[in-house]
Amino acid sequence: MPSIEYWRNKSTLQTYDIETQRKDATFGVYGRYAFDVKGWKPYAGAGWAVHFLSNRVNAPTLGLNDASSSLAKGGFALLGGASFGLSDKIDNFLELKYHHIPDYKQLKINWGLTYQIK
């Protein structure tokens, strides 16, 4: 299944006039196996994703005025979760996903809705 994810984290230390920001836009493909349990569907899976990572720091007192860097890296992911049927076509899901990217590691908790096309 295809996946698109985005997150952004911003921190500010007003005492030292420091501001940082990290962003990640992720495009991935995952395979998962769902276990058939009455009323809910636990699942486990793995996949591969490309992460477009960017960092920005603004710390004028340290001599860093809007310093930034960007890079793209691929990495594998493991996931596990469960979906709960709300109707014939719509499910609610909760999952834990671990991305292993060289020099970066991410652990995410995702919640959302899915729509079944078939």
PDB file of N, CA and C in Angstrom:
ATOM      1  N   MET A   1       0.833  -1.169   0.000  1.00  0.00           N
ATOM      2  CA  MET A   1       0.000   0.000   0.000  1.00  0.00           C
ATOM      3  C   MET A   1       0.885   1.242   0.000  1.00  0.00           C
ATOM      4  N   PRO A   2       0.512   2.256  -0.731  1.00  0.00           N
ATOM      5  CA  PRO A   2       1.298   3.497  -0.746  1.00  0.00           C
ATOM      6  C   PRO A   2       1.038   4.327   0.514  1.00  0.00           C
ATOM      7  N   SER A   3       1.980   5.192   0.843  1.00  0.00           N
ATOM      8  CA  SER A   3       1.840   6.026   2.036  1.00  0.00           C
ATOM      9  C   SER A   3       2.512   7.379   1.821  1.00  0.00           C
ATOM     10  N   ILE A   4       1.874   8.420   2.320  1.00  0.00           N
ATOM     11  CA  ILE A   4       2.445   9.773   2.333  1.00  0.00           C
ATOM     12  C   ILE A   4       2.315  10.283   3.759  1.00  0.00           C
ATOM     13  N   GLU A   5       3.431  10.742   4.332  1.00  0.00           N
ATOM     14  CA  GLU A   5       3.429  11.261   5.696  1.00  0.00           C
ATOM     15  C   GLU A   5       4.216  12.568   5.736  1.00  0.00           C
ATOM     16  N   TYR A   6       3.847  13.428   6.684  1.00  0.00           N
ATOM     17  CA  TYR A   6       4.563  14.691   6.868  1.00  0.00           C
ATOM     18  C   TYR A   6       4.508  15.041   8.352  1.00  0.00           C
ATOM     19  N   TRP A   7       5.636  15.504   8.877  1.00  0.00           N
ATOM     20  CA  TRP A   7       5.661  16.045  10.222  1.00  0.00           C
ATOM     21  C   TRP A   7       6.638  17.203  10.284  1.00  0.00           C
ATOM     22  N   ARG A   8       6.420  18.070  11.289  1.00  0.00           N
ATOM     23  CA  ARG A   8       7.275  19.235  11.509  1.00  0.00           C
ATOM     24  C   ARG A   8       7.353  19.471  13.005  1.00  0.00           C
ATOM     25  N   ASN A   9       8.550  19.793  13.489  1.00  0.00           N
ATOM     26  CA  ASN A   9       8.766  20.079  14.899  1.00  0.00           C
ATOM     27  C   ASN A   9       9.542  21.387  15.001  1.00  0.00           C
ATOM     28  N   LYS A  10       9.049  22.294  15.823  1.00  0.00           N
ATOM     29  CA  LYS A  10       9.706  23.589  15.991  1.00  0.00           C
ATOM     30  C   LYS A  10       9.933  23.838  17.474  1.00  0.00           C
ATOM     31  N   SER A  11      11.141  24.289  17.825  1.00  0.00           N
ATOM     32  CA  SER A  11      11.493  24.591  19.223  1.00  0.00           C
ATOM     33  C   SER A  11      12.102  25.976  19.303  1.00  0.00           C
ATOM     34  N   THR A  12      11.828  26.666  20.409  1.00  0.00           N
ATOM     35  CA  THR A  12      12.364  28.007  20.624  1.00  0.00           C
ATOM     36  C   THR A  12      12.888  28.125  22.049  1.00  0.00           C
ATOM     37  N   LEU A  13      14.106  28.651  22.183  1.00  0.00           N
ATOM     38  CA  LEU A  13      14.682  28.995  23.483  1.00  0.00           C
ATOM     39  C   LEU A  13      14.814  30.517  23.511  1.00  0.00           C
ATOM     40  N   GLN A  14      13.807  31.195  24.052  1.00  0.00           N
ATOM     41  CA  GLN A  14      13.787  32.656  24.013  1.00  0.00           C
ATOM     42  C   GLN A  14      14.940  33.277  24.800  1.00  0.00           C
ATOM     43  N   THR A  15      15.354  32.640  25.880  1.00  0.00           N
ATOM     44  CA  THR A  15      16.442  33.174  26.710  1.00  0.00           C
ATOM     45  C   THR A  15      17.724  33.359  25.892  1.00  0.00           C
ATOM     46  N   TYR A  16      18.004  32.416  24.973  1.00  0.00           N
ATOM     47  CA  TYR A  16      19.229  32.458  24.175  1.00  0.00           C
ATOM     48  C   TYR A  16      18.976  32.859  22.729  1.00  0.00           C
ATOM     49  N   ASP A  17      17.741  33.212  22.408  1.00  0.00           N
ATOM     50  CA  ASP A  17      17.360  33.626  21.050  1.00  0.00           C
ATOM     51  C   ASP A  17      17.714  32.550  20.023  1.00  0.00           C
ATOM     52  N   ILE A  18      17.298  31.306  20.310  1.00  0.00           N
ATOM     53  CA  ILE A  18      17.570  30.169  19.422  1.00  0.00           C
ATOM     54  C   ILE A  18      16.237  29.574  18.968  1.00  0.00           C
ATOM     55  N   GLU A  19      16.147  29.325  17.673  1.00  0.00           N
ATOM     56  CA  GLU A  19      14.959  28.699  17.105  1.00  0.00           C
ATOM     57  C   GLU A  19      15.390  27.582  16.166  1.00  0.00           C
ATOM     58  N   THR A  20      14.808  26.395  16.331  1.00  0.00           N
ATOM     59  CA  THR A  20      15.130  25.261  15.466  1.00  0.00           C
ATOM     60  C   THR A  20      13.850  24.690  14.862  1.00  0.00           C
ATOM     61  N   GLN A  21      14.009  24.100  13.699  1.00  0.00           N
ATOM     62  CA  GLN A  21      12.869  23.466  13.035  1.00  0.00           C
ATOM     63  C   GLN A  21      13.353  22.253  12.246  1.00  0.00           C
ATOM     64  N   ARG A  22      12.629  21.141  12.377  1.00  0.00           N
ATOM     65  CA  ARG A  22      12.926  19.921  11.613  1.00  0.00           C
ATOM     66  C   ARG A  22      11.659  19.504  10.883  1.00  0.00           C
ATOM     67  N   LYS A  23      11.814  19.047   9.634  1.00  0.00           N
ATOM     68  CA  LYS A  23      10.671  18.598   8.841  1.00  0.00           C
ATOM     69  C   LYS A  23      11.030  17.304   8.118  1.00  0.00           C
ATOM     70  N   ASP A  24      10.008  16.500   7.853  1.00  0.00           N
ATOM     71  CA  ASP A  24      10.193  15.263   7.095  1.00  0.00           C
ATOM     72  C   ASP A  24       8.943  15.008   6.263  1.00  0.00           C
ATOM     73  N   ALA A  25       9.113  14.935   4.958  1.00  0.00           N
ATOM     74  CA  ALA A  25       8.054  14.501   4.043  1.00  0.00           C
ATOM     75  C   ALA A  25       8.468  13.111   3.571  1.00  0.00           C
ATOM     76  N   THR A  26       7.573  12.132   3.736  1.00  0.00           N
ATOM     77  CA  THR A  26       7.904  10.733   3.469  1.00  0.00           C
ATOM     78  C   THR A  26       6.953  10.143   2.434  1.00  0.00           C
ATOM     79  N   PHE A  27       7.534   9.447   1.463  1.00  0.00           N
ATOM     80  CA  PHE A  27       6.770   8.699   0.468  1.00  0.00           C
ATOM     81  C   PHE A  27       7.221   7.251   0.557  1.00  0.00           C
ATOM     82  N   GLY A  28       6.285   6.347   0.828  1.00  0.00           N
ATOM     83  CA  GLY A  28       6.666   4.959   1.045  1.00  0.00           C
ATOM     84  C   GLY A  28       5.707   3.957   0.445  1.00  0.00           C
ATOM     85  N   VAL A  29       6.174   2.720   0.422  1.00  0.00           N
ATOM     86  CA  VAL A  29       5.369   1.579  -0.012  1.00  0.00           C
ATOM     87  C   VAL A  29       5.523   0.499   1.042  1.00  0.00           C
ATOM     88  N   TYR A  30       4.389  -0.033   1.518  1.00  0.00           N
ATOM     89  CA  TYR A  30       4.402  -1.004   2.597  1.00  0.00           C
ATOM     90  C   TYR A  30       3.544  -2.204   2.239  1.00  0.00           C
ATOM     91  N   GLY A  31       3.943  -3.355   2.735  1.00  0.00           N
ATOM     92  CA  GLY A  31       3.124  -4.553   2.659  1.00  0.00           C
ATOM     93  C   GLY A  31       2.741  -4.919   4.070  1.00  0.00           C
ATOM     94  N   ARG A  32       1.509  -5.361   4.251  1.00  0.00           N
ATOM     95  CA  ARG A  32       1.105  -5.756   5.599  1.00  0.00           C
ATOM     96  C   ARG A  32       0.204  -6.976   5.535  1.00  0.00           C
ATOM     97  N   TYR A  33       0.236  -7.729   6.602  1.00  0.00           N
ATOM     98  CA  TYR A  33      -0.588  -8.913   6.731  1.00  0.00           C
ATOM     99  C   TYR A  33      -1.580  -8.675   7.863  1.00  0.00           C
ATOM    100  N   ALA A  34      -2.862  -8.800   7.563  1.00  0.00           N
ATOM    101  CA  ALA A  34      -3.905  -8.593   8.565  1.00  0.00           C
ATOM    102  C   ALA A  34      -4.399  -9.939   9.085  1.00  0.00           C
ATOM    103  N   PHE A  35      -4.550 -10.039  10.386  1.00  0.00           N
ATOM    104  CA  PHE A  35      -5.100 -11.215  11.031  1.00  0.00           C
ATOM    105  C   PHE A  35      -6.611 -11.002  11.166  1.00  0.00           C
ATOM    106  N   ASP A  36      -7.377 -12.001  10.880  1.00  0.00           N
ATOM    107  CA  ASP A  36      -8.828 -11.856  10.911  1.00  0.00           C
ATOM    108  C   ASP A  36      -9.374 -12.231  12.286  1.00  0.00           C
ATOM    109  N   VAL A  37      -9.725 -11.220  13.058  1.00  0.00           N
ATOM    110  CA  VAL A  37     -10.302 -11.400  14.381  1.00  0.00           C
ATOM    111  C   VAL A  37     -11.656 -10.685  14.367  1.00  0.00           C
ATOM    112  N   LYS A  38     -12.661 -11.276  14.946  1.00  0.00           N
ATOM    113  CA  LYS A  38     -13.999 -10.697  14.905  1.00  0.00           C
ATOM    114  C   LYS A  38     -14.037  -9.317  15.569  1.00  0.00           C
ATOM    115  N   GLY A  39     -14.501  -8.318  14.821  1.00  0.00           N
ATOM    116  CA  GLY A  39     -14.665  -6.968  15.357  1.00  0.00           C
ATOM    117  C   GLY A  39     -13.479  -6.040  15.136  1.00  0.00           C
ATOM    118  N   TRP A  40     -12.301  -6.592  14.913  1.00  0.00           N
ATOM    119  CA  TRP A  40     -11.126  -5.753  14.656  1.00  0.00           C
ATOM    120  C   TRP A  40     -10.102  -6.553  13.883  1.00  0.00           C
ATOM    121  N   LYS A  41      -9.126  -5.873  13.286  1.00  0.00           N
ATOM    122  CA  LYS A  41      -8.128  -6.539  12.456  1.00  0.00           C
ATOM    123  C   LYS A  41      -6.720  -6.089  12.860  1.00  0.00           C
ATOM    124  N   PRO A  42      -6.039  -6.861  13.688  1.00  0.00           N
ATOM    125  CA  PRO A  42      -4.635  -6.540  13.956  1.00  0.00           C
ATOM    126  C   PRO A  42      -3.802  -6.841  12.711  1.00  0.00           C
ATOM    127  N   TYR A  43      -2.706  -6.103  12.529  1.00  0.00           N
ATOM    128  CA  TYR A  43      -1.850  -6.316  11.362  1.00  0.00           C
ATOM    129  C   TYR A  43      -0.392  -6.008  11.690  1.00  0.00           C
ATOM    130  N   ALA A  44       0.486  -6.562  10.860  1.00  0.00           N
ATOM    131  CA  ALA A  44       1.929  -6.310  10.965  1.00  0.00           C
ATOM    132  C   ALA A  44       2.462  -6.176   9.545  1.00  0.00           C
ATOM    133  N   GLY A  45       3.523  -5.391   9.379  1.00  0.00           N
ATOM    134  CA  GLY A  45       4.052  -5.219   8.038  1.00  0.00           C
ATOM    135  C   GLY A  45       5.424  -4.585   8.016  1.00  0.00           C
ATOM    136  N   ALA A  46       5.917  -4.397   6.799  1.00  0.00           N
ATOM    137  CA  ALA A  46       7.225  -3.782   6.579  1.00  0.00           C
ATOM    138  C   ALA A  46       7.201  -3.086   5.229  1.00  0.00           C
ATOM    139  N   GLY A  47       8.165  -2.211   5.021  1.00  0.00           N
ATOM    140  CA  GLY A  47       8.221  -1.504   3.747  1.00  0.00           C
ATOM    141  C   GLY A  47       9.459  -0.656   3.611  1.00  0.00           C
ATOM    142  N   TRP A  48       9.433   0.172   2.596  1.00  0.00           N
ATOM    143  CA  TRP A  48      10.550   1.049   2.244  1.00  0.00           C
ATOM    144  C   TRP A  48      10.003   2.440   1.989  1.00  0.00           C
ATOM    145  N   ALA A  49      10.740   3.469   2.412  1.00  0.00           N
ATOM    146  CA  ALA A  49      10.282   4.844   2.217  1.00  0.00           C
ATOM    147  C   ALA A  49      11.461   5.761   1.913  1.00  0.00           C
ATOM    148  N   VAL A  50      11.165   6.825   1.200  1.00  0.00           N
ATOM    149  CA  VAL A  50      12.135   7.887   0.932  1.00  0.00           C
ATOM    150  C   VAL A  50      11.726   9.078   1.786  1.00  0.00           C
ATOM    151  N   HIS A  51      12.671   9.596   2.550  1.00  0.00           N
ATOM    152  CA  HIS A  51      12.431  10.716   3.458  1.00  0.00           C
ATOM    153  C   HIS A  51      13.142  11.955   2.930  1.00  0.00           C
ATOM    154  N   PHE A  52      12.398  13.059   2.846  1.00  0.00           N
ATOM    155  CA  PHE A  52      12.964  14.349   2.470  1.00  0.00           C
ATOM    156  C   PHE A  52      13.059  15.164   3.755  1.00  0.00           C
ATOM    157  N   LEU A  53      14.263  15.168   4.341  1.00  0.00           N
ATOM    158  CA  LEU A  53      14.507  15.763   5.651  1.00  0.00           C
ATOM    159  C   LEU A  53      15.090  17.164   5.505  1.00  0.00           C
ATOM    160  N   SER A  54      14.653  18.080   6.370  1.00  0.00           N
ATOM    161  CA  SER A  54      15.261  19.416   6.375  1.00  0.00           C
ATOM    162  C   SER A  54      15.375  19.906   7.822  1.00  0.00           C
ATOM    163  N   ASN A  55      16.440  20.642   8.071  1.00  0.00           N
ATOM    164  CA  ASN A  55      16.725  21.228   9.376  1.00  0.00           C
ATOM    165  C   ASN A  55      17.014  22.704   9.192  1.00  0.00           C
ATOM    166  N   ARG A  56      16.540  23.513  10.135  1.00  0.00           N
ATOM    167  CA  ARG A  56      16.824  24.946  10.101  1.00  0.00           C
ATOM    168  C   ARG A  56      17.122  25.410  11.517  1.00  0.00           C
ATOM    169  N   VAL A  57      18.165  26.234  11.659  1.00  0.00           N
ATOM    170  CA  VAL A  57      18.532  26.817  12.954  1.00  0.00           C
ATOM    171  C   VAL A  57      18.729  28.305  12.770  1.00  0.00           C
ATOM    172  N   ASN A  58      18.136  29.076  13.666  1.00  0.00           N
ATOM    173  CA  ASN A  58      18.363  30.515  13.689  1.00  0.00           C
ATOM    174  C   ASN A  58      18.817  30.874  15.103  1.00  0.00           C
ATOM    175  N   ALA A  59      20.105  31.155  15.241  1.00  0.00           N
ATOM    176  CA  ALA A  59      20.694  31.497  16.539  1.00  0.00           C
ATOM    177  C   ALA A  59      21.682  32.635  16.333  1.00  0.00           C
ATOM    178  N   PRO A  60      21.193  33.876  16.182  1.00  0.00           N
ATOM    179  CA  PRO A  60      22.079  35.015  15.898  1.00  0.00           C
ATOM    180  C   PRO A  60      23.164  35.218  16.953  1.00  0.00           C
ATOM    181  N   THR A  61      22.861  34.938  18.230  1.00  0.00           N
ATOM    182  CA  THR A  61      23.870  35.127  19.284  1.00  0.00           C
ATOM    183  C   THR A  61      25.028  34.136  19.152  1.00  0.00           C
ATOM    184  N   LEU A  62      24.804  33.029  18.427  1.00  0.00           N
ATOM    185  CA  LEU A  62      25.852  32.034  18.195  1.00  0.00           C
ATOM    186  C   LEU A  62      26.454  32.150  16.792  1.00  0.00           C
ATOM    187  N   GLY A  63      26.022  33.147  16.043  1.00  0.00           N
ATOM    188  CA  GLY A  63      26.550  33.347  14.698  1.00  0.00           C
ATOM    189  C   GLY A  63      25.876  32.516  13.626  1.00  0.00           C
ATOM    190  N   LEU A  64      24.736  31.914  13.923  1.00  0.00           N
ATOM    191  CA  LEU A  64      23.983  31.125  12.935  1.00  0.00           C
ATOM    192  C   LEU A  64      22.717  31.883  12.557  1.00  0.00           C
ATOM    193  N   ASN A  65      22.730  32.503  11.401  1.00  0.00           N
ATOM    194  CA  ASN A  65      21.566  33.239  10.922  1.00  0.00           C
ATOM    195  C   ASN A  65      20.875  32.427   9.843  1.00  0.00           C
ATOM    196  N   ASP A  66      19.767  31.813  10.204  1.00  0.00           N
ATOM    197  CA  ASP A  66      18.977  30.984   9.284  1.00  0.00           C
ATOM    198  C   ASP A  66      19.820  29.929   8.565  1.00  0.00           C
ATOM    199  N   ALA A  67      20.620  29.194   9.308  1.00  0.00           N
ATOM    200  CA  ALA A  67      21.388  28.078   8.735  1.00  0.00           C
ATOM    201  C   ALA A  67      20.437  26.920   8.480  1.00  0.00           C
ATOM    202  N   SER A  68      20.582  26.275   7.325  1.00  0.00           N
ATOM    203  CA  SER A  68      19.675  25.165   7.010  1.00  0.00           C
ATOM    204  C   SER A  68      20.394  24.087   6.208  1.00  0.00           C
ATOM    205  N   SER A  69      19.812  22.897   6.241  1.00  0.00           N
ATOM    206  CA  SER A  69      20.327  21.783   5.443  1.00  0.00           C
ATOM    207  C   SER A  69      19.157  20.898   5.058  1.00  0.00           C
ATOM    208  N   SER A  70      19.277  20.265   3.903  1.00  0.00           N
ATOM    209  CA  SER A  70      18.240  19.354   3.416  1.00  0.00           C
ATOM    210  C   SER A  70      18.900  18.145   2.791  1.00  0.00           C
ATOM    211  N   LEU A  71      18.242  16.999   2.885  1.00  0.00           N
ATOM    212  CA  LEU A  71      18.750  15.790   2.248  1.00  0.00           C
ATOM    213  C   LEU A  71      17.612  14.805   2.063  1.00  0.00           C
ATOM    214  N   ALA A  72      17.826  13.859   1.180  1.00  0.00           N
ATOM    215  CA  ALA A  72      16.862  12.782   0.940  1.00  0.00           C
ATOM    216  C   ALA A  72      17.554  11.459   1.241  1.00  0.00           C
ATOM    217  N   LYS A  73      16.873  10.605   2.001  1.00  0.00           N
ATOM    218  CA  LYS A  73      17.437   9.301   2.359  1.00  0.00           C
ATOM    219  C   LYS A  73      16.332   8.257   2.327  1.00  0.00           C
ATOM    220  N   GLY A  74      16.703   7.059   1.942  1.00  0.00           N
ATOM    221  CA  GLY A  74      15.773   5.937   1.965  1.00  0.00           C
ATOM    222  C   GLY A  74      16.031   5.067   3.171  1.00  0.00           C
ATOM    223  N   GLY A  75      15.005   4.367   3.605  1.00  0.00           N
ATOM    224  CA  GLY A  75      15.154   3.471   4.736  1.00  0.00           C
ATOM    225  C   GLY A  75      13.980   2.541   4.860  1.00  0.00           C
ATOM    226  N   PHE A  76      14.171   1.472   5.635  1.00  0.00           N
ATOM    227  CA  PHE A  76      13.090   0.505   5.792  1.00  0.00           C
ATOM    228  C   PHE A  76      12.221   0.875   6.993  1.00  0.00           C
ATOM    229  N   ALA A  77      11.041   0.293   7.034  1.00  0.00           N
ATOM    230  CA  ALA A  77      10.116   0.560   8.124  1.00  0.00           C
ATOM    231  C   ALA A  77       9.430  -0.728   8.556  1.00  0.00           C
ATOM    232  N   LEU A  78       9.137  -0.808   9.846  1.00  0.00           N
ATOM    233  CA  LEU A  78       8.336  -1.888  10.413  1.00  0.00           C
ATOM    234  C   LEU A  78       7.092  -1.260  11.030  1.00  0.00           C
ATOM    235  N   LEU A  79       5.956  -1.949  10.913  1.00  0.00           N
ATOM    236  CA  LEU A  79       4.740  -1.384  11.470  1.00  0.00           C
ATOM    237  C   LEU A  79       3.849  -2.467  12.045  1.00  0.00           C
ATOM    238  N   GLY A  80       3.038  -2.071  12.979  1.00  0.00           N
ATOM    239  CA  GLY A  80       2.051  -2.948  13.571  1.00  0.00           C
ATOM    240  C   GLY A  80       0.897  -2.114  14.067  1.00  0.00           C
ATOM    241  N   GLY A  81      -0.291  -2.653  14.004  1.00  0.00           N
ATOM    242  CA  GLY A  81      -1.440  -1.885  14.457  1.00  0.00           C
ATOM    243  C   GLY A  81      -2.709  -2.696  14.378  1.00  0.00           C
ATOM    244  N   ALA A  82      -3.814  -1.975  14.434  1.00  0.00           N
ATOM    245  CA  ALA A  82      -5.125  -2.604  14.353  1.00  0.00           C
ATOM    246  C   ALA A  82      -6.111  -1.634  13.721  1.00  0.00           C
ATOM    247  N   SER A  83      -7.052  -2.198  12.967  1.00  0.00           N
ATOM    248  CA  SER A  83      -8.128  -1.381  12.408  1.00  0.00           C
ATOM    249  C   SER A  83      -9.456  -1.879  12.961  1.00  0.00           C
ATOM    250  N   PHE A  84     -10.380  -0.953  13.091  1.00  0.00           N
ATOM    251  CA  PHE A  84     -11.691  -1.221  13.667  1.00  0.00           C
ATOM    252  C   PHE A  84     -12.746  -0.712  12.701  1.00  0.00           C
ATOM    253  N   GLY A  85     -13.627  -1.587  12.261  1.00  0.00           N
ATOM    254  CA  GLY A  85     -14.646  -1.215  11.280  1.00  0.00           C
ATOM    255  C   GLY A  85     -15.670  -0.246  11.841  1.00  0.00           C
ATOM    256  N   LEU A  86     -15.889   0.857  11.111  1.00  0.00           N
ATOM    257  CA  LEU A  86     -16.923   1.818  11.478  1.00  0.00           C
ATOM    258  C   LEU A  86     -18.174   1.634  10.618  1.00  0.00           C
ATOM    259  N   SER A  87     -17.949   1.210   9.362  1.00  0.00           N
ATOM    260  CA  SER A  87     -19.047   0.928   8.433  1.00  0.00           C
ATOM    261  C   SER A  87     -18.541  -0.095   7.411  1.00  0.00           C
ATOM    262  N   ASP A  88     -19.331  -0.362   6.379  1.00  0.00           N
ATOM    263  CA  ASP A  88     -18.906  -1.316   5.355  1.00  0.00           C
ATOM    264  C   ASP A  88     -17.636  -0.873   4.638  1.00  0.00           C
ATOM    265  N   LYS A  89     -17.453   0.429   4.445  1.00  0.00           N
ATOM    266  CA  LYS A  89     -16.332   0.950   3.658  1.00  0.00           C
ATOM    267  C   LYS A  89     -15.289   1.707   4.480  1.00  0.00           C
ATOM    268  N   ILE A  90     -15.609   2.136   5.677  1.00  0.00           N
ATOM    269  CA  ILE A  90     -14.712   2.998   6.463  1.00  0.00           C
ATOM    270  C   ILE A  90     -14.236   2.276   7.720  1.00  0.00           C
ATOM    271  N   ASP A  91     -12.906   2.324   7.940  1.00  0.00           N
ATOM    272  CA  ASP A  91     -12.280   1.754   9.135  1.00  0.00           C
ATOM    273  C   ASP A  91     -11.507   2.842   9.868  1.00  0.00           C
ATOM    274  N   ASN A  92     -11.368   2.685  11.151  1.00  0.00           N
ATOM    275  CA  ASN A  92     -10.544   3.515  12.011  1.00  0.00           C
ATOM    276  C   ASN A  92      -9.295   2.692  12.329  1.00  0.00           C
ATOM    277  N   PHE A  93      -8.095   3.287  12.322  1.00  0.00           N
ATOM    278  CA  PHE A  93      -6.906   2.505  12.635  1.00  0.00           C
ATOM    279  C   PHE A  93      -5.993   3.238  13.608  1.00  0.00           C
ATOM    280  N   LEU A  94      -5.193   2.450  14.317  1.00  0.00           N
ATOM    281  CA  LEU A  94      -4.157   2.941  15.221  1.00  0.00           C
ATOM    282  C   LEU A  94      -2.939   2.074  14.977  1.00  0.00           C
ATOM    283  N   GLU A  95      -1.775   2.713  14.705  1.00  0.00           N
ATOM    284  CA  GLU A  95      -0.585   1.917  14.412  1.00  0.00           C
ATOM    285  C   GLU A  95       0.670   2.541  14.993  1.00  0.00           C
ATOM    286  N   LEU A  96       1.661   1.683  15.184  1.00  0.00           N
ATOM    287  CA  LEU A  96       2.991   2.074  15.620  1.00  0.00           C
ATOM    288  C   LEU A  96       3.929   1.752  14.470  1.00  0.00           C
ATOM    289  N   LYS A  97       4.738   2.737  14.064  1.00  0.00           N
ATOM    290  CA  LYS A  97       5.615   2.557  12.909  1.00  0.00           C
ATOM    291  C   LYS A  97       7.032   3.002  13.270  1.00  0.00           C
ATOM    292  N   TYR A  98       8.004   2.158  12.949  1.00  0.00           N
ATOM    293  CA  TYR A  98       9.417   2.464  13.193  1.00  0.00           C
ATOM    294  C   TYR A  98      10.119   2.602  11.847  1.00  0.00           C
ATOM    295  N   HIS A  99      10.743   3.762  11.617  1.00  0.00           N
ATOM    296  CA  HIS A  99      11.527   4.005  10.406  1.00  0.00           C
ATOM    297  C   HIS A  99      13.007   3.958  10.762  1.00  0.00           C
ATOM    298  N   HIS A 100      13.751   3.121  10.070  1.00  0.00           N
ATOM    299  CA  HIS A 100      15.197   3.059  10.264  1.00  0.00           C
ATOM    300  C   HIS A 100      15.854   3.685   9.040  1.00  0.00           C
ATOM    301  N   ILE A 101      16.314   4.907   9.215  1.00  0.00           N
ATOM    302  CA  ILE A 101      16.972   5.670   8.160  1.00  0.00           C
ATOM    303  C   ILE A 101      18.422   5.827   8.612  1.00  0.00           C
ATOM    304  N   PRO A 102      19.412   5.596   7.737  1.00  0.00           N
ATOM    305  CA  PRO A 102      20.802   5.780   8.162  1.00  0.00           C
ATOM    306  C   PRO A 102      21.016   7.140   8.844  1.00  0.00           C
ATOM    307  N   ASP A 103      21.551   7.140  10.031  1.00  0.00           N
ATOM    308  CA  ASP A 103      21.821   8.315  10.866  1.00  0.00           C
ATOM    309  C   ASP A 103      20.559   8.942  11.468  1.00  0.00           C
ATOM    310  N   TYR A 104      19.391   8.423  11.168  1.00  0.00           N
ATOM    311  CA  TYR A 104      18.130   8.924  11.728  1.00  0.00           C
ATOM    312  C   TYR A 104      17.253   7.726  12.071  1.00  0.00           C
ATOM    313  N   LYS A 105      16.514   7.835  13.141  1.00  0.00           N
ATOM    314  CA  LYS A 105      15.540   6.807  13.498  1.00  0.00           C
ATOM    315  C   LYS A 105      14.275   7.519  13.965  1.00  0.00           C
ATOM    316  N   GLN A 106      13.117   6.984  13.571  1.00  0.00           N
ATOM    317  CA  GLN A 106      11.856   7.607  13.936  1.00  0.00           C
ATOM    318  C   GLN A 106      10.888   6.543  14.447  1.00  0.00           C
ATOM    319  N   LEU A 107      10.186   6.869  15.505  1.00  0.00           N
ATOM    320  CA  LEU A 107       9.128   6.024  16.022  1.00  0.00           C
ATOM    321  C   LEU A 107       7.860   6.879  16.003  1.00  0.00           C
ATOM    322  N   LYS A 108       6.836   6.395  15.300  1.00  0.00           N
ATOM    323  CA  LYS A 108       5.620   7.188  15.107  1.00  0.00           C
ATOM    324  C   LYS A 108       4.403   6.419  15.598  1.00  0.00           C
ATOM    325  N   ILE A 109       3.447   7.151  16.129  1.00  0.00           N
ATOM    326  CA  ILE A 109       2.125   6.617  16.431  1.00  0.00           C
ATOM    327  C   ILE A 109       1.172   7.308  15.464  1.00  0.00           C
ATOM    328  N   ASN A 110       0.496   6.527  14.639  1.00  0.00           N
ATOM    329  CA  ASN A 110      -0.429   7.070  13.642  1.00  0.00           C
ATOM    330  C   ASN A 110      -1.848   6.648  13.975  1.00  0.00           C
ATOM    331  N   TRP A 111      -2.774   7.538  13.729  1.00  0.00           N
ATOM    332  CA  TRP A 111      -4.191   7.271  13.869  1.00  0.00           C
ATOM    333  C   TRP A 111      -4.889   7.863  12.655  1.00  0.00           C
ATOM    334  N   GLY A 112      -5.906   7.192  12.166  1.00  0.00           N
ATOM    335  CA  GLY A 112      -6.599   7.748  11.019  1.00  0.00           C
ATOM    336  C   GLY A 112      -7.779   6.913  10.574  1.00  0.00           C
ATOM    337  N   LEU A 113      -8.282   7.281   9.404  1.00  0.00           N
ATOM    338  CA  LEU A 113      -9.413   6.607   8.788  1.00  0.00           C
ATOM    339  C   LEU A 113      -8.982   6.050   7.443  1.00  0.00           C
ATOM    340  N   THR A 114      -9.520   4.906   7.069  1.00  0.00           N
ATOM    341  CA  THR A 114      -9.268   4.327   5.762  1.00  0.00           C
ATOM    342  C   THR A 114     -10.595   4.110   5.059  1.00  0.00           C
ATOM    343  N   TYR A 115     -10.559   4.225   3.748  1.00  0.00           N
ATOM    344  CA  TYR A 115     -11.729   3.976   2.911  1.00  0.00           C
ATOM    345  C   TYR A 115     -11.421   2.830   1.984  1.00  0.00           C
ATOM    346  N   GLN A 116     -12.247   1.807   1.986  1.00  0.00           N
ATOM    347  CA  GLN A 116     -12.029   0.630   1.157  1.00  0.00           C
ATOM    348  C   GLN A 116     -12.671   0.844  -0.211  1.00  0.00           C
ATOM    349  N   ILE A 117     -11.859   0.789  -1.255  1.00  0.00           N
ATOM    350  CA  ILE A 117     -12.334   1.040  -2.610  1.00  0.00           C
ATOM    351  C   ILE A 117     -13.126  -0.137  -3.157  1.00  0.00           C
ATOM    352  N   LYS A 118     -12.699  -1.362  -2.875  1.00  0.00           N
ATOM    353  CA  LYS A 118     -13.370  -2.530  -3.460  1.00  0.00           C
ATOM    354  C   LYS A 118     -14.748  -2.803  -2.933  1.00  0.00           C
TER     355      LYS A 118
END
